[in-house]
Protein backbone atom coordinates (compact mmCIF):
# COMPACT_ATOMS: atom_id res chain seq x y z
CA MET A 1 42.82 -52.65 -37.34
CA MET A 2 46.33 -52.61 -35.67
CA LEU A 3 49.30 -54.44 -36.81
CA VAL A 4 49.94 -57.94 -35.29
CA PRO A 5 52.70 -60.52 -35.68
CA PRO A 6 52.87 -62.05 -39.22
CA ASN A 7 51.99 -65.64 -38.14
CA ILE A 8 48.46 -66.01 -36.58
CA THR A 9 47.44 -69.18 -34.78
CA SER A 10 44.10 -70.72 -33.76
CA GLU A 11 45.27 -71.34 -30.24
CA THR A 12 43.12 -69.53 -27.53
CA GLN A 13 45.28 -66.93 -25.74
CA HIS A 14 42.19 -65.09 -23.88
CA SER A 15 39.52 -67.05 -21.85
CA ASP A 16 36.81 -65.41 -23.85
CA SER A 17 38.23 -65.88 -27.34
CA GLN A 18 35.85 -68.90 -27.88
CA SER A 19 32.85 -66.99 -27.15
CA THR A 20 33.85 -64.05 -29.13
CA SER A 21 34.56 -66.20 -32.21
CA CYS A 22 30.93 -67.41 -31.95
CA ILE A 23 29.53 -63.86 -32.03
CA LEU A 24 31.86 -62.94 -34.98
CA ALA A 25 30.59 -65.96 -36.99
CA THR A 26 27.05 -65.01 -36.21
CA LEU A 27 27.67 -61.29 -37.35
CA LEU A 28 29.30 -62.47 -40.65
CA ASP A 29 26.47 -64.82 -41.21
CA GLN A 30 23.93 -62.33 -40.99
CA ILE A 31 25.30 -60.39 -43.82
CA ASN A 32 25.98 -63.46 -45.92
CA ARG A 33 29.73 -63.57 -45.59
CA ASP A 34 31.77 -66.71 -45.01
CA SER A 35 31.49 -67.17 -41.22
CA THR A 36 33.87 -70.32 -40.73
CA ILE A 37 36.82 -68.79 -38.69
CA GLN A 38 40.02 -70.51 -39.63
CA ALA A 39 42.27 -68.70 -37.17
CA MET A 40 42.08 -66.10 -34.52
CA GLN A 41 44.46 -64.24 -32.40
CA PRO A 42 44.10 -61.42 -29.79
CA LEU A 43 45.83 -58.15 -30.37
CA THR A 44 47.62 -56.38 -27.61
CA CYS A 45 48.20 -52.95 -29.29
CA GLY A 46 44.99 -51.07 -28.15
CA GLY A 47 44.86 -49.00 -25.14
CA ASN A 48 41.20 -48.70 -24.48
CA ASN A 49 39.46 -51.67 -26.41
CA ARG A 50 39.83 -55.38 -26.91
CA SER A 51 40.71 -56.48 -30.47
CA TRP A 52 41.27 -59.77 -32.38
CA ARG A 53 42.58 -60.50 -35.96
CA PHE A 54 40.83 -63.53 -37.62
CA ARG A 55 40.76 -65.14 -40.78
CA THR A 56 37.94 -66.70 -42.87
CA ALA A 57 38.08 -68.05 -46.56
CA GLU A 58 37.25 -64.44 -47.68
CA GLY A 59 40.33 -62.89 -45.98
CA ASP A 60 41.50 -61.41 -42.80
CA TYR A 61 39.49 -59.00 -40.36
CA VAL A 62 39.81 -57.31 -37.17
CA ALA A 63 37.18 -57.35 -34.47
CA LYS A 64 37.07 -54.44 -31.95
CA GLN A 65 35.04 -54.68 -28.86
CA TYR A 66 34.64 -51.35 -27.25
CA PHE A 67 34.81 -50.57 -23.67
CA ARG A 68 31.54 -49.53 -22.25
CA HIS A 69 30.85 -48.10 -18.70
CA GLU A 70 27.83 -46.74 -16.98
CA ASN A 71 29.60 -43.52 -16.23
CA ASP A 72 30.64 -42.94 -19.85
CA ALA A 73 27.87 -42.80 -22.13
CA ARG A 74 29.66 -42.20 -25.43
CA ASP A 75 28.82 -44.45 -28.17
CA ARG A 76 32.34 -45.31 -29.59
CA LEU A 77 31.25 -48.15 -31.67
CA GLY A 78 28.71 -46.10 -33.36
CA ALA A 79 30.78 -43.05 -33.85
CA GLU A 80 33.60 -45.04 -35.28
CA PHE A 81 31.50 -47.36 -37.64
CA LYS A 82 29.36 -44.25 -38.97
CA PHE A 83 32.45 -42.18 -39.64
CA LEU A 84 34.27 -45.08 -41.33
CA HIS A 85 31.11 -45.53 -43.54
CA TYR A 86 31.46 -41.87 -44.64
CA ALA A 87 35.26 -41.95 -44.98
CA TYR A 88 35.29 -45.16 -47.07
CA SER A 89 32.86 -43.80 -49.32
CA LEU A 90 35.01 -40.91 -50.13
CA ILE A 91 38.72 -42.30 -49.79
CA PRO A 92 38.51 -46.06 -49.51
CA GLU A 93 42.29 -46.56 -49.93
CA SER A 94 43.00 -44.61 -46.67
CA VAL A 95 40.70 -46.07 -44.16
CA PRO A 96 39.84 -49.77 -43.09
CA GLU A 97 36.64 -51.17 -44.70
CA PRO A 98 33.79 -51.17 -42.25
CA ILE A 99 32.13 -54.70 -42.42
CA THR A 100 29.50 -54.95 -39.68
CA HIS A 101 28.65 -53.90 -36.16
CA ASP A 102 26.56 -55.05 -33.11
CA PRO A 103 25.57 -52.54 -30.51
CA VAL A 104 24.53 -55.49 -28.16
CA SER A 105 27.97 -57.05 -27.84
CA GLY A 106 29.81 -53.67 -28.67
CA ILE A 107 31.67 -55.31 -31.37
CA GLY A 108 32.66 -54.00 -34.70
CA ILE A 109 34.15 -55.96 -37.69
CA TYR A 110 36.74 -54.19 -40.06
CA ARG A 111 38.80 -55.41 -42.97
CA PHE A 112 42.50 -56.03 -41.88
CA VAL A 113 45.13 -53.75 -42.89
CA ALA A 114 48.50 -55.25 -43.51
CA GLY A 115 50.69 -52.19 -42.66
CA LYS A 116 53.23 -51.12 -40.25
CA PRO A 117 53.15 -48.46 -37.60
CA LEU A 118 55.45 -45.48 -37.64
CA PRO A 119 57.67 -46.17 -34.66
CA ASN A 120 58.75 -42.57 -33.74
CA THR A 121 59.03 -39.00 -35.04
CA THR A 122 62.18 -39.67 -37.15
CA GLU A 123 59.66 -41.43 -39.57
CA ILE A 124 57.59 -38.22 -39.94
CA SER A 125 58.41 -36.18 -43.21
CA GLN A 126 56.76 -33.55 -45.28
CA TYR A 127 55.56 -36.35 -47.44
CA ARG A 128 53.79 -38.04 -44.37
CA VAL A 129 52.38 -34.59 -43.05
CA ASP A 130 50.99 -33.92 -46.67
CA GLN A 131 49.17 -37.49 -46.58
CA ALA A 132 47.51 -36.52 -43.36
CA ALA A 133 46.33 -33.22 -44.71
CA LYS A 134 45.15 -34.66 -47.92
CA PHE A 135 43.21 -37.24 -46.01
CA PHE A 136 41.67 -34.39 -43.69
CA VAL A 137 40.65 -32.33 -46.80
CA ALA A 138 39.07 -35.42 -48.54
CA MET A 139 36.90 -35.85 -45.46
CA ASN A 140 35.71 -32.21 -45.88
CA PRO A 141 34.40 -31.79 -49.32
CA THR A 142 32.02 -28.76 -49.96
CA HIS A 143 28.96 -31.13 -49.95
CA ARG A 144 29.82 -32.55 -46.44
CA PHE A 145 26.82 -30.43 -44.89
CA GLU A 146 24.61 -32.72 -46.72
CA SER A 147 26.33 -35.95 -47.08
CA ALA A 148 27.38 -36.17 -43.58
CA LYS A 149 24.59 -34.36 -41.76
CA GLU A 150 23.77 -37.60 -39.77
CA LEU A 151 27.28 -37.99 -38.38
CA PRO A 152 27.41 -36.84 -34.49
CA ILE A 153 29.17 -34.08 -32.86
CA ALA A 154 32.81 -35.12 -31.82
CA SER A 155 33.60 -36.14 -28.49
CA GLU A 156 34.55 -32.88 -26.62
CA ALA A 157 33.76 -30.71 -29.62
CA CYS A 158 34.29 -27.07 -29.34
CA PHE A 159 32.69 -24.26 -31.26
CA THR A 160 33.63 -21.20 -29.24
CA ILE A 161 36.86 -19.89 -27.70
CA ALA A 162 35.34 -20.22 -24.27
CA ASP A 163 34.40 -23.91 -24.98
CA HIS A 164 38.07 -24.73 -25.83
CA ILE A 165 39.23 -23.19 -22.57
CA ALA A 166 36.45 -24.74 -20.51
CA MET A 167 37.22 -28.22 -21.83
CA VAL A 168 40.79 -28.22 -20.45
CA THR A 169 39.64 -26.35 -17.26
CA LYS A 170 36.95 -29.26 -16.67
CA ARG A 171 39.78 -31.90 -17.21
CA MET A 172 41.94 -30.26 -14.88
CA THR A 173 39.43 -29.96 -12.12
CA ASN A 174 38.54 -33.41 -12.42
CA LEU A 175 41.98 -34.56 -12.12
CA VAL A 176 42.46 -32.43 -8.90
CA GLU A 177 39.31 -33.83 -7.43
CA THR A 178 40.19 -37.35 -8.30
CA THR A 179 43.86 -37.23 -6.84
CA GLN A 180 42.89 -35.30 -3.76
CA HIS A 181 43.27 -38.63 -1.64
CA GLU A 182 45.94 -40.36 -4.20
CA ALA A 183 48.16 -41.90 -1.60
CA VAL A 184 50.45 -43.86 -4.02
CA LEU A 185 51.81 -40.77 -6.01
CA PRO A 186 51.52 -37.67 -3.79
CA GLU A 187 53.81 -35.96 -6.28
CA VAL A 188 51.07 -35.69 -8.86
CA ARG A 189 49.66 -32.78 -6.56
CA VAL A 190 52.82 -30.94 -6.90
CA PHE A 191 52.46 -31.42 -10.74
CA LEU A 192 48.92 -30.17 -10.62
CA HIS A 193 49.79 -27.10 -8.55
CA GLN A 194 52.18 -26.09 -11.23
CA PHE A 195 49.75 -26.87 -14.01
CA GLU A 196 46.96 -25.00 -12.54
CA ARG A 197 49.41 -21.85 -12.24
CA ARG A 198 50.56 -22.15 -15.79
CA TRP A 199 47.16 -22.72 -17.12
CA GLN A 200 46.02 -19.50 -15.55
CA ALA A 201 48.56 -17.59 -17.20
CA MET A 202 47.69 -19.22 -20.76
CA GLN A 203 44.11 -18.39 -20.15
CA GLU A 204 44.87 -14.82 -19.58
CA GLN A 205 47.05 -14.60 -22.69
CA ILE A 206 44.31 -16.06 -24.71
CA VAL A 207 41.74 -13.59 -23.59
CA PHE A 208 44.19 -10.62 -24.00
CA LEU A 209 45.00 -11.66 -27.68
CA ALA A 210 41.47 -12.61 -28.65
CA ASN A 211 40.33 -9.07 -27.58
CA LEU A 212 43.32 -7.54 -29.62
CA TRP A 213 42.38 -9.45 -32.78
CA HIS A 214 38.68 -8.92 -32.29
CA ILE A 215 37.95 -12.59 -31.81
CA SER A 216 34.84 -13.29 -29.76
CA LEU A 217 35.31 -15.77 -26.86
CA THR A 218 31.57 -16.75 -26.97
CA GLN A 219 30.49 -16.51 -30.64
CA ASP A 220 29.63 -20.03 -32.06
CA LEU A 221 31.85 -21.09 -35.00
CA PRO A 222 29.80 -20.51 -38.18
CA MET A 223 28.64 -23.86 -39.72
CA GLU A 224 30.61 -23.41 -42.89
CA GLN A 225 33.91 -23.08 -40.91
CA ARG A 226 33.08 -26.40 -38.95
CA CYS A 227 34.89 -29.74 -39.97
CA LEU A 228 34.48 -33.34 -39.89
CA SER A 229 37.33 -34.14 -37.70
CA PRO A 230 38.83 -37.67 -37.33
CA SER A 231 39.46 -36.71 -33.79
CA ASP A 232 42.60 -38.27 -31.82
CA PHE A 233 44.12 -37.74 -35.31
CA GLY A 234 47.91 -38.36 -35.81
CA PHE A 235 50.55 -40.81 -36.84
CA HIS A 236 49.85 -42.82 -33.71
CA ASN A 237 46.66 -44.02 -35.36
CA ALA A 238 48.09 -44.86 -38.81
CA LEU A 239 49.70 -47.76 -40.69
CA VAL A 240 51.86 -47.57 -43.60
CA LEU A 241 51.47 -50.01 -46.42
CA ARG A 242 54.23 -51.36 -48.66
CA ASN A 243 53.62 -48.87 -51.31
CA GLY A 244 54.13 -46.04 -48.81
CA ARG A 245 50.29 -44.92 -48.45
CA ALA A 246 49.20 -44.29 -45.01
CA VAL A 247 46.06 -45.80 -43.79
CA PHE A 248 44.45 -43.89 -40.69
CA LEU A 249 42.65 -45.82 -38.02
CA ASP A 250 40.67 -45.23 -34.73
CA PHE A 251 37.67 -43.01 -35.24
CA GLU A 252 35.59 -43.47 -32.03
CA TYR A 253 35.57 -39.88 -31.10
CA ALA A 254 35.12 -38.59 -34.58
CA GLY A 255 32.30 -36.22 -35.87
CA TRP A 256 31.66 -32.29 -36.27
CA ASP A 257 34.00 -30.07 -34.67
CA ASP A 258 36.27 -27.06 -34.97
CA PRO A 259 39.43 -27.23 -37.21
CA ALA A 260 41.50 -25.58 -34.46
CA LYS A 261 40.94 -28.58 -32.17
CA MET A 262 41.98 -30.98 -34.80
CA VAL A 263 45.19 -28.96 -35.48
CA GLY A 264 45.75 -28.66 -31.84
CA ASP A 265 45.44 -32.27 -31.13
CA PHE A 266 47.39 -33.40 -34.20
CA PHE A 267 50.45 -31.34 -32.93
CA ALA A 268 50.19 -32.16 -29.28
CA GLN A 269 49.63 -35.89 -29.23
CA ILE A 270 52.94 -37.53 -27.85
CA ALA A 271 52.91 -41.22 -29.23
CA VAL A 272 54.30 -40.26 -32.55
CA PRO A 273 54.91 -36.48 -32.36
CA VAL A 274 54.57 -34.29 -35.47
CA PRO A 275 57.84 -31.83 -35.68
CA VAL A 276 56.96 -28.24 -35.29
CA GLN A 277 58.65 -27.59 -38.54
CA PHE A 278 55.54 -28.94 -40.49
CA PHE A 279 53.01 -26.59 -38.55
CA ASP A 280 52.53 -23.92 -41.19
CA SER A 281 52.47 -26.24 -44.30
CA PHE A 282 49.76 -28.58 -42.54
CA VAL A 283 47.70 -25.56 -41.48
CA THR A 284 47.75 -23.99 -45.04
CA GLN A 285 46.63 -27.27 -46.52
CA VAL A 286 43.97 -28.43 -44.12
CA LEU A 287 42.19 -24.99 -44.48
CA VAL A 288 41.66 -25.37 -48.17
CA PRO A 289 37.86 -26.44 -47.78
CA PHE A 290 37.07 -23.32 -45.71
CA PRO A 291 35.76 -20.19 -46.93
CA ASP A 292 37.54 -17.80 -44.35
CA GLN A 293 40.91 -19.24 -44.02
CA GLN A 294 42.52 -16.18 -42.36
CA SER A 295 40.31 -16.05 -39.30
CA LEU A 296 40.77 -19.77 -38.87
CA LYS A 297 44.34 -19.60 -39.03
CA LYS A 298 44.24 -16.97 -36.35
CA ARG A 299 41.99 -19.16 -34.36
CA ILE A 300 44.33 -22.13 -34.83
CA ARG A 301 47.41 -20.16 -33.53
CA LEU A 302 45.47 -18.55 -30.71
CA LEU A 303 44.41 -22.10 -29.23
CA ARG A 304 47.48 -24.09 -29.99
CA GLY A 305 48.88 -24.09 -26.64
CA VAL A 306 45.52 -25.08 -25.15
CA TYR A 307 45.87 -28.37 -26.64
CA GLN A 308 49.40 -29.12 -25.03
CA PHE A 309 47.76 -28.51 -21.62
CA LYS A 310 44.85 -30.78 -22.77
CA TRP A 311 47.34 -33.58 -23.43
CA CYS A 312 48.98 -33.11 -20.00
CA CYS A 313 45.43 -33.88 -18.82
CA ILE A 314 44.98 -36.76 -21.32
CA VAL A 315 48.19 -38.53 -20.13
CA LEU A 316 47.00 -38.51 -16.51
CA ASN A 317 43.55 -40.04 -17.37
CA VAL A 318 44.87 -43.20 -15.81
CA PHE A 319 44.18 -41.60 -12.44
CA HIS A 320 40.57 -41.54 -13.24
CA PRO A 321 38.84 -44.88 -12.29
CA VAL A 322 36.89 -45.22 -15.31
CA HIS A 323 39.85 -44.75 -17.76
CA LEU A 324 42.04 -47.17 -15.75
CA GLN A 325 39.22 -49.71 -15.98
CA ARG A 326 39.25 -49.03 -19.68
CA ARG A 327 42.98 -49.81 -19.80
CA GLN A 328 42.54 -52.85 -17.75
CA PHE A 329 39.78 -54.10 -20.06
CA ALA A 330 42.14 -53.80 -22.98
CA ASN A 331 44.92 -55.31 -21.05
CA PRO A 332 44.05 -57.15 -17.89
CA SER A 333 47.75 -57.56 -16.79
CA VAL A 334 48.47 -53.77 -16.89
CA ASP A 335 50.70 -52.95 -13.79
CA GLU A 336 48.67 -49.88 -12.38
CA LEU A 337 51.56 -48.26 -10.22
CA ASN A 338 54.20 -48.31 -13.21
CA LEU A 339 51.51 -47.17 -15.66
CA LYS A 340 50.73 -44.09 -13.38
CA LYS A 341 54.26 -43.26 -12.89
CA LEU A 342 55.02 -43.58 -16.65
CA GLN A 343 52.00 -41.24 -17.43
CA LEU A 344 53.00 -38.63 -14.76
CA ALA A 345 56.54 -38.60 -16.01
CA LYS A 346 55.10 -37.98 -19.64
CA ALA A 347 52.69 -35.02 -18.23
CA ILE A 348 55.82 -33.49 -16.60
CA GLN A 349 57.74 -33.61 -19.87
CA ILE A 350 54.83 -31.94 -21.65
CA LEU A 351 54.55 -29.14 -19.19
CA ASN A 352 58.14 -28.44 -19.16
CA SER A 353 58.05 -28.13 -23.14
CA ILE A 354 55.07 -25.75 -23.34
CA ILE A 355 56.20 -22.57 -24.66
CA ASP A 356 54.35 -19.49 -25.84
CA PHE A 357 53.20 -20.48 -29.24
CA ILE A 358 51.02 -17.55 -29.94
CA PRO A 359 52.52 -15.21 -32.50
CA HIS A 360 52.46 -11.53 -31.82
CA ASP A 361 52.83 -10.64 -35.25
CA LEU A 362 49.17 -11.63 -36.47
CA HIS A 363 47.13 -8.30 -36.24
């Protein structure tokens, strides 16, 4: 579903492309679509999965083979395909069309989107942010509790304030344990020491303000306040068509979740950062489907800093063996040492940029 160079060729660039093309032809034949693959090219844009663009007489498709590991039981293929079916039924112009999928090979086939990625934050305007907000609102109509009841809980879904805090603490603890014996980059331990100290201060502030605002740390978010979240939602997972419309991609972590988590991730992701000036307008728009918007607004602001800490952990995922294997699955030529240095630099930048986002004027 990602952009590839305009000229595709039938030359095999990966050793497994031939066997993959046979699987794709079989899958298309099973749903009575033209299965003669005229051209095929591996994509290199994904960080977690292998992807190919290929062409038949019926048009261009993207095949995505999802990374699987015995220590990571998440069904990324199933989650993405189910969410795309739901999204395509509501707003087909804003997502790739899901074609078919095969749990055995771990491959999903989607209609190719001929768009361009947004290269950096200078491309993010109020118009773009409004597009993202409208997409989210379209995914959350009032009948969502019936039409989407079969969709899964999102990856790392959180429904209490304590859940949000525990999720980051767990990520941090795993990082500390994983890097105890890291000999290549000992400086990562210095970073984690600073991270732990600042994370403890953030937790104390959240607990204090939650009590001040009468927000329970342990009460589940009511069902009517929950959302269908694209997860990993942002312009790093979007393509822009010639007509200016944005098409959103990559829903392998999608499902039912807390709107506060969606907003936190949207403004914390670092690949194509969303400027802070759009925070208030985005929040106002995405809360339209929910009955108690004021309480969600407080919840979103209370938890905003949590998600910057979370993204510090995310960029350091390369220190986890399973995640590193996923990167190597998607790109076998990746330089492990340089990748770790790059990600550590990003984490330091995020930690240095974290400020007190919690407003004290909400009473």
